[in-house]
C-alpha atoms as a PDB file:
ATOM      1  CA  UNK A   1       7.766  -3.763   7.034  1.00  0.00           C
ATOM      2  CA  UNK A   2       6.872  -6.976   5.180  1.00  0.00           C
ATOM      3  CA  UNK A   3       3.127  -6.756   5.214  1.00  0.00           C
ATOM      4  CA  UNK A   4       0.505  -6.254   2.494  1.00  0.00           C
ATOM      5  CA  UNK A   5       1.015  -2.496   0.988  1.00  0.00           C
ATOM      6  CA  UNK A   6      -2.222  -0.338   1.629  1.00  0.00           C
ATOM      7  CA  UNK A   7      -3.008   3.376   0.835  1.00  0.00           C
ATOM      8  CA  UNK A   8      -5.550   5.310   2.513  1.00  0.00           C
ATOM      9  CA  UNK A   9      -6.842   8.231   1.057  1.00  0.00           C
ATOM     10  CA  UNK A  10      -7.773  10.593   3.923  1.00  0.00           C
ATOM     11  CA  UNK A  11      -6.060   9.127   6.755  1.00  0.00           C
ATOM     12  CA  UNK A  12      -6.583  11.782   9.579  1.00  0.00           C
ATOM     13  CA  UNK A  13     -10.336  11.478  10.375  1.00  0.00           C
ATOM     14  CA  UNK A  14     -12.081   9.797  12.832  1.00  0.00           C
ATOM     15  CA  UNK A  15     -12.341   6.454  12.041  1.00  0.00           C
ATOM     16  CA  UNK A  16      -9.555   6.617   9.585  1.00  0.00           C
ATOM     17  CA  UNK A  17      -6.615   7.593  11.657  1.00  0.00           C
ATOM     18  CA  UNK A  18      -7.654   4.845  14.192  1.00  0.00           C
ATOM     19  CA  UNK A  19      -7.327   2.681  11.018  1.00  0.00           C
ATOM     20  CA  UNK A  20      -4.213   3.791  10.049  1.00  0.00           C
ATOM     21  CA  UNK A  21      -2.665   3.358  13.710  1.00  0.00           C
ATOM     22  CA  UNK A  22      -4.072  -0.311  13.674  1.00  0.00           C
ATOM     23  CA  UNK A  23      -2.931  -1.322  10.117  1.00  0.00           C
ATOM     24  CA  UNK A  24       0.529  -0.092  11.360  1.00  0.00           C
ATOM     25  CA  UNK A  25       0.498  -2.060  14.399  1.00  0.00           C
ATOM     26  CA  UNK A  26      -0.661  -5.241  12.202  1.00  0.00           C
ATOM     27  CA  UNK A  27       2.526  -4.867  10.460  1.00  0.00           C
ATOM     28  CA  UNK A  28       0.750  -3.366   7.165  1.00  0.00           C
ATOM     29  CA  UNK A  29       3.055  -1.238   4.968  1.00  0.00           C
ATOM     30  CA  UNK A  30       1.035   1.999   5.071  1.00  0.00           C
ATOM     31  CA  UNK A  31       0.905   4.986   3.273  1.00  0.00           C
ATOM     32  CA  UNK A  32      -1.615   8.043   3.860  1.00  0.00           C
ATOM     33  CA  UNK A  33      -2.572  10.403   0.623  1.00  0.00           C
ATOM     34  CA  UNK A  34      -4.211  13.798   2.182  1.00  0.00           C
ATOM     35  CA  UNK A  35      -3.609  17.548   1.583  1.00  0.00           C
ATOM     36  CA  UNK A  36      -1.344  17.370   5.101  1.00  0.00           C
ATOM     37  CA  UNK A  37      -3.926  20.175   6.575  1.00  0.00           C
ATOM     38  CA  UNK A  38      -5.345  17.912   9.649  1.00  0.00           C
ATOM     39  CA  UNK A  39      -3.070  18.090  13.079  1.00  0.00           C
ATOM     40  CA  UNK A  40      -5.877  16.833  15.577  1.00  0.00           C
ATOM     41  CA  UNK A  41      -5.095  13.361  14.542  1.00  0.00           C
ATOM     42  CA  UNK A  42      -1.387  12.848  13.979  1.00  0.00           C
ATOM     43  CA  UNK A  43       0.176  10.210  11.683  1.00  0.00           C
ATOM     44  CA  UNK A  44       1.995   7.438  12.872  1.00  0.00           C
ATOM     45  CA  UNK A  45       5.844   7.435  12.490  1.00  0.00           C
ATOM     46  CA  UNK A  46       6.700   4.645   9.702  1.00  0.00           C
ATOM     47  CA  UNK A  47       4.092   5.501   7.313  1.00  0.00           C
ATOM     48  CA  UNK A  48       4.725   6.941   4.154  1.00  0.00           C
ATOM     49  CA  UNK A  49       2.840  10.347   3.548  1.00  0.00           C
ATOM     50  CA  UNK A  50       1.801  11.677   0.078  1.00  0.00           C
ATOM     51  CA  UNK A  51       0.676  14.688  -0.098  1.00  0.00           C
ATOM     52  CA  UNK A  52      -2.050  16.114  -2.440  1.00  0.00           C
ATOM     53  CA  UNK A  53      -5.216  17.260  -2.858  1.00  0.00           C
ATOM     54  CA  UNK A  54      -7.464  13.765  -4.738  1.00  0.00           C
ATOM     55  CA  UNK A  55      -9.567  15.945  -6.554  1.00  0.00           C
ATOM     56  CA  UNK A  56      -6.528  17.432  -8.486  1.00  0.00           C
ATOM     57  CA  UNK A  57      -5.693  14.354 -10.375  1.00  0.00           C
ATOM     58  CA  UNK A  58      -2.294  15.733 -12.021  1.00  0.00           C
ATOM     59  CA  UNK A  59      -1.366  16.688  -8.756  1.00  0.00           C
ATOM     60  CA  UNK A  60      -2.386  12.927  -7.609  1.00  0.00           C
ATOM     61  CA  UNK A  61      -0.389  11.247 -10.572  1.00  0.00           C
ATOM     62  CA  UNK A  62       2.558  13.496  -9.794  1.00  0.00           C
ATOM     63  CA  UNK A  63       2.913  12.077  -6.108  1.00  0.00           C
ATOM     64  CA  UNK A  64       1.885   8.468  -6.820  1.00  0.00           C
ATOM     65  CA  UNK A  65       3.948   7.784  -9.529  1.00  0.00           C
ATOM     66  CA  UNK A  66       3.832   4.295 -10.843  1.00  0.00           C
ATOM     67  CA  UNK A  67       3.109   3.301  -7.409  1.00  0.00           C
ATOM     68  CA  UNK A  68       0.873  -0.021  -6.717  1.00  0.00           C
ATOM     69  CA  UNK A  69      -0.618  -1.043  -3.530  1.00  0.00           C
ATOM     70  CA  UNK A  70      -2.617  -4.368  -2.576  1.00  0.00           C
ATOM     71  CA  UNK A  71      -5.049  -2.302  -0.733  1.00  0.00           C
ATOM     72  CA  UNK A  72      -6.555   1.456  -1.884  1.00  0.00           C
ATOM     73  CA  UNK A  73      -8.964   2.575   0.793  1.00  0.00           C
ATOM     74  CA  UNK A  74     -10.836   5.829   0.074  1.00  0.00           C
ATOM     75  CA  UNK A  75     -12.528   7.602   3.307  1.00  0.00           C
ATOM     76  CA  UNK A  76     -13.253  10.535   1.583  1.00  0.00           C
ATOM     77  CA  UNK A  77     -15.265  10.076  -1.636  1.00  0.00           C
ATOM     78  CA  UNK A  78     -18.573  10.910  -1.623  1.00  0.00           C
ATOM     79  CA  UNK A  79     -19.772  11.436  -5.296  1.00  0.00           C
ATOM     80  CA  UNK A  80     -20.142   9.354  -8.093  1.00  0.00           C
ATOM     81  CA  UNK A  81     -17.702  11.587 -10.118  1.00  0.00           C
ATOM     82  CA  UNK A  82     -15.371  11.242  -7.377  1.00  0.00           C
ATOM     83  CA  UNK A  83     -15.434   7.385  -7.346  1.00  0.00           C
ATOM     84  CA  UNK A  84     -15.487   7.103 -11.060  1.00  0.00           C
ATOM     85  CA  UNK A  85     -12.052   9.187 -11.054  1.00  0.00           C
ATOM     86  CA  UNK A  86     -10.806   6.442  -8.334  1.00  0.00           C
ATOM     87  CA  UNK A  87     -11.856   3.382 -10.740  1.00  0.00           C
ATOM     88  CA  UNK A  88     -10.077   5.299 -13.781  1.00  0.00           C
ATOM     89  CA  UNK A  89      -6.767   6.083 -11.776  1.00  0.00           C
ATOM     90  CA  UNK A  90      -6.646   3.109  -9.741  1.00  0.00           C
ATOM     91  CA  UNK A  91      -7.759   0.093 -12.106  1.00  0.00           C
ATOM     92  CA  UNK A  92      -4.200  -1.473 -12.264  1.00  0.00           C
ATOM     93  CA  UNK A  93      -3.051  -0.164  -9.301  1.00  0.00           C
ATOM     94  CA  UNK A  94      -4.451  -2.005  -6.640  1.00  0.00           C
ATOM     95  CA  UNK A  95      -5.624  -5.374  -5.888  1.00  0.00           C
ATOM     96  CA  UNK A  96      -8.451  -4.059  -3.776  1.00  0.00           C
ATOM     97  CA  UNK A  97     -10.189  -1.077  -3.635  1.00  0.00           C
ATOM     98  CA  UNK A  98     -12.442  -0.322  -0.566  1.00  0.00           C
ATOM     99  CA  UNK A  99     -14.906   2.383  -0.439  1.00  0.00           C
ATOM    100  CA  UNK A 100     -16.311   4.073   2.707  1.00  0.00           C
ATOM    101  CA  UNK A 101     -20.034   4.193   2.015  1.00  0.00           C
ATOM    102  CA  UNK A 102     -22.234   4.820   4.706  1.00  0.00           C
ATOM    103  CA  UNK A 103     -25.028   3.002   6.871  1.00  0.00           C
ATOM    104  CA  UNK A 104     -27.576   5.956   6.126  1.00  0.00           C
ATOM    105  CA  UNK A 105     -27.583   4.376   2.674  1.00  0.00           C
ATOM    106  CA  UNK A 106     -29.779   1.565   3.902  1.00  0.00           C
ATOM    107  CA  UNK A 107     -33.723   1.592   3.439  1.00  0.00           C
ATOM    108  CA  UNK A 108     -35.250   4.744   5.221  1.00  0.00           C
ATOM    109  CA  UNK A 109     -37.371   4.502   7.166  1.00  0.00           C
ATOM    110  CA  UNK A 110     -36.589   0.750   7.803  1.00  0.00           C
ATOM    111  CA  UNK A 111     -38.985  -1.475   7.143  1.00  0.00           C
ATOM    112  CA  UNK A 112     -37.773  -4.523   9.532  1.00  0.00           C
ATOM    113  CA  UNK A 113     -35.020  -4.646  12.052  1.00  0.00           C
ATOM    114  CA  UNK A 114     -32.469  -5.499  12.544  1.00  0.00           C
ATOM    115  CA  UNK A 115     -31.097  -4.266   9.382  1.00  0.00           C
ATOM    116  CA  UNK A 116     -28.677  -6.301   7.729  1.00  0.00           C
ATOM    117  CA  UNK A 117     -26.823  -6.372   4.619  1.00  0.00           C
ATOM    118  CA  UNK A 118     -29.557  -7.470   2.637  1.00  0.00           C
ATOM    119  CA  UNK A 119     -31.649  -4.398   3.512  1.00  0.00           C
ATOM    120  CA  UNK A 120     -32.435  -2.310   0.343  1.00  0.00           C
ATOM    121  CA  UNK A 121     -30.410   0.617  -0.654  1.00  0.00           C
ATOM    122  CA  UNK A 122     -32.926   3.851  -0.477  1.00  0.00           C
ATOM    123  CA  UNK A 123     -32.785   7.061   1.516  1.00  0.00           C
ATOM    124  CA  UNK A 124     -34.919   9.506  -0.028  1.00  0.00           C
ATOM    125  CA  UNK A 125     -34.250  11.941   2.880  1.00  0.00           C
ATOM    126  CA  UNK A 126     -30.500  12.710   2.357  1.00  0.00           C
ATOM    127  CA  UNK A 127     -28.535  13.647  -0.601  1.00  0.00           C
ATOM    128  CA  UNK A 128     -25.421  12.252   1.330  1.00  0.00           C
ATOM    129  CA  UNK A 129     -27.125   8.992   1.639  1.00  0.00           C
ATOM    130  CA  UNK A 130     -28.274   8.880  -2.209  1.00  0.00           C
ATOM    131  CA  UNK A 131     -24.850   9.839  -3.160  1.00  0.00           C
ATOM    132  CA  UNK A 132     -23.029   6.978  -1.487  1.00  0.00           C
ATOM    133  CA  UNK A 133     -25.964   4.873  -3.171  1.00  0.00           C
ATOM    134  CA  UNK A 134     -25.008   6.387  -6.422  1.00  0.00           C
ATOM    135  CA  UNK A 135     -21.085   5.449  -5.529  1.00  0.00           C
ATOM    136  CA  UNK A 136     -21.727   1.513  -4.674  1.00  0.00           C
ATOM    137  CA  UNK A 137     -23.837   0.935  -7.910  1.00  0.00           C
ATOM    138  CA  UNK A 138     -21.189   2.771 -10.069  1.00  0.00           C
ATOM    139  CA  UNK A 139     -18.771   0.406  -8.191  1.00  0.00           C
ATOM    140  CA  UNK A 140     -20.513  -2.583  -8.759  1.00  0.00           C
ATOM    141  CA  UNK A 141     -20.808  -2.036 -12.176  1.00  0.00           C
ATOM    142  CA  UNK A 142     -17.168  -1.459 -12.807  1.00  0.00           C
ATOM    143  CA  UNK A 143     -16.590  -4.752 -11.009  1.00  0.00           C
ATOM    144  CA  UNK A 144     -19.079  -6.636 -13.080  1.00  0.00           C
ATOM    145  CA  UNK A 145     -18.244  -5.001 -16.123  1.00  0.00           C
ATOM    146  CA  UNK A 146     -14.285  -4.437 -15.870  1.00  0.00           C
ATOM    147  CA  UNK A 147     -13.672  -6.963 -12.715  1.00  0.00           C
ATOM    148  CA  UNK A 148     -12.251  -3.803 -10.754  1.00  0.00           C
ATOM    149  CA  UNK A 149     -11.806  -5.151  -7.225  1.00  0.00           C
ATOM    150  CA  UNK A 150     -13.943  -3.330  -4.951  1.00  0.00           C
ATOM    151  CA  UNK A 151     -14.849  -3.884  -1.261  1.00  0.00           C
ATOM    152  CA  UNK A 152     -17.759  -1.673   0.326  1.00  0.00           C
ATOM    153  CA  UNK A 153     -17.838  -0.687   3.858  1.00  0.00           C
ATOM    154  CA  UNK A 154     -20.896   0.641   5.462  1.00  0.00           C
ATOM    155  CA  UNK A 155     -19.986   2.325   8.775  1.00  0.00           C
ATOM    156  CA  UNK A 156     -22.587   3.390  11.341  1.00  0.00           C
ATOM    157  CA  UNK A 157     -21.674   5.099  14.542  1.00  0.00           C
ATOM    158  CA  UNK A 158     -18.471   6.545  13.967  1.00  0.00           C
ATOM    159  CA  UNK A 159     -16.522   7.706  16.869  1.00  0.00           C
ATOM    160  CA  UNK A 160     -13.009   8.127  18.473  1.00  0.00           C
ATOM    161  CA  UNK A 161     -11.308   9.569  21.432  1.00  0.00           C
ATOM    162  CA  UNK A 162     -12.213  13.055  20.209  1.00  0.00           C
ATOM    163  CA  UNK A 163     -15.831  12.764  19.040  1.00  0.00           C
ATOM    164  CA  UNK A 164     -18.645  10.598  20.698  1.00  0.00           C
ATOM    165  CA  UNK A 165     -20.779   8.919  18.488  1.00  0.00           C
ATOM    166  CA  UNK A 166     -24.370   9.925  19.472  1.00  0.00           C
ATOM    167  CA  UNK A 167     -25.761  13.079  22.045  1.00  0.00           C
ATOM    168  CA  UNK A 168     -25.955  10.786  25.149  1.00  0.00           C
ATOM    169  CA  UNK A 169     -22.162  11.352  25.744  1.00  0.00           C
ATOM    170  CA  UNK A 170     -20.045   8.929  27.369  1.00  0.00           C
ATOM    171  CA  UNK A 171     -23.708   7.103  28.557  1.00  0.00           C
ATOM    172  CA  UNK A 172     -24.036   6.123  24.654  1.00  0.00           C
ATOM    173  CA  UNK A 173     -20.391   4.486  24.806  1.00  0.00           C
ATOM    174  CA  UNK A 174     -21.440   2.505  27.765  1.00  0.00           C
ATOM    175  CA  UNK A 175     -24.728   1.024  26.073  1.00  0.00           C
ATOM    176  CA  UNK A 176     -22.769   0.075  23.049  1.00  0.00           C
ATOM    177  CA  UNK A 177     -20.122  -1.731  24.933  1.00  0.00           C
END
């Protein structure tokens, strides 16, 4: 392949599997790093597969070796310690680190609509959201202080051909269209 190289950490989840397929179709040189335990969403042919538990940093170092990627996308980082470990590990190994956060990090309850990227990050009701906010803060500090190259994505309604986005069933999908 002649496209940019991308490492997807995860790669077989609701959103990430679709992104892996799209990246392959777009001509990216795709590598997926995961534990190899998910079979519901197969990894496409032509993808380099690395198998390790990303939380086991010695196993990660062993399978990654001296590889570098243009982009590293982490779909399965949820806490600041996981993100700090990524900053430490991938600094100098990628030109862009993409952190998958959550739209649930936006101010809850919302004080105005629509919610935009300038809406404050504050969710006192869900630890998951507070952890994602803390991860984002850590990454922005790493960017400001160490030039760690970061992009933050905040998905909202996540779905694919195996999981509907809302309890309204397919009618919700029709409304979203």
